[in-house]
Amino acid sequence: MNTTLKFLEKSGSAIAGFCLISIMFLVGADAAARYVLGAPIPWVTESVGYYLIVAVSYLAAADTFRRGDHIRLELVTERMGPRLRAWVDVVLSLLSAMVFAVLTYSAGSSLLAALHDQEYVHGSQAWPVWLSYLPIVLGSALLAVRLVHHCVMVLSQGKDPAIELQEEF
């Protein structure tokens, strides 16, 4: 389970990295076209705003958690004993998993509704709306699964060996 999860997280992170590089090139080309040619590239704003930034934000979230790179407030937890710290970690991870599970369900419902209704973003191009929900659904679901897996590992083994920057409980 852990190797599959790690593979999916790294794949999501790689796709997010590709999207980030694409954003840099597209925005740079759009700015150059605007100032050199006097006309921006018409579809760049929609593609970056509705699709690429969403993909960067959500597809890398689970891998970021696995690497221990999320923002943490250690002011209170550093004063706790190891067992209490482990329980706080489990409770907060389960609460976060529930939030991301609700987000997955909500975005999935919106994706299906937009797909069913054949909704499109109106702009220079007719971009399908459902496609902008896809990274939210995939990234949130993957993070929810990682968080639940993390809780199971901490409860059963005392730590999660998959998390790279983790303190011992």
Foldseek 3Di string as FASTA:
>chain_A
DVVVLLVQLVVLQVVLVVLVVVLVVQVVQQVCCCVVVVHGDFCNVVCVVQASVLSNVQSNVQVCVLQVNDDDDCPPVVPDDLVVSLVVLLVVLQVLLVVLVVQLVVLVVVLVVQVVVVQFDDTPDTHRNSNSSVSSNSRSNSNSVSSVLQNVCCVPPVGDVSRNPDDGD
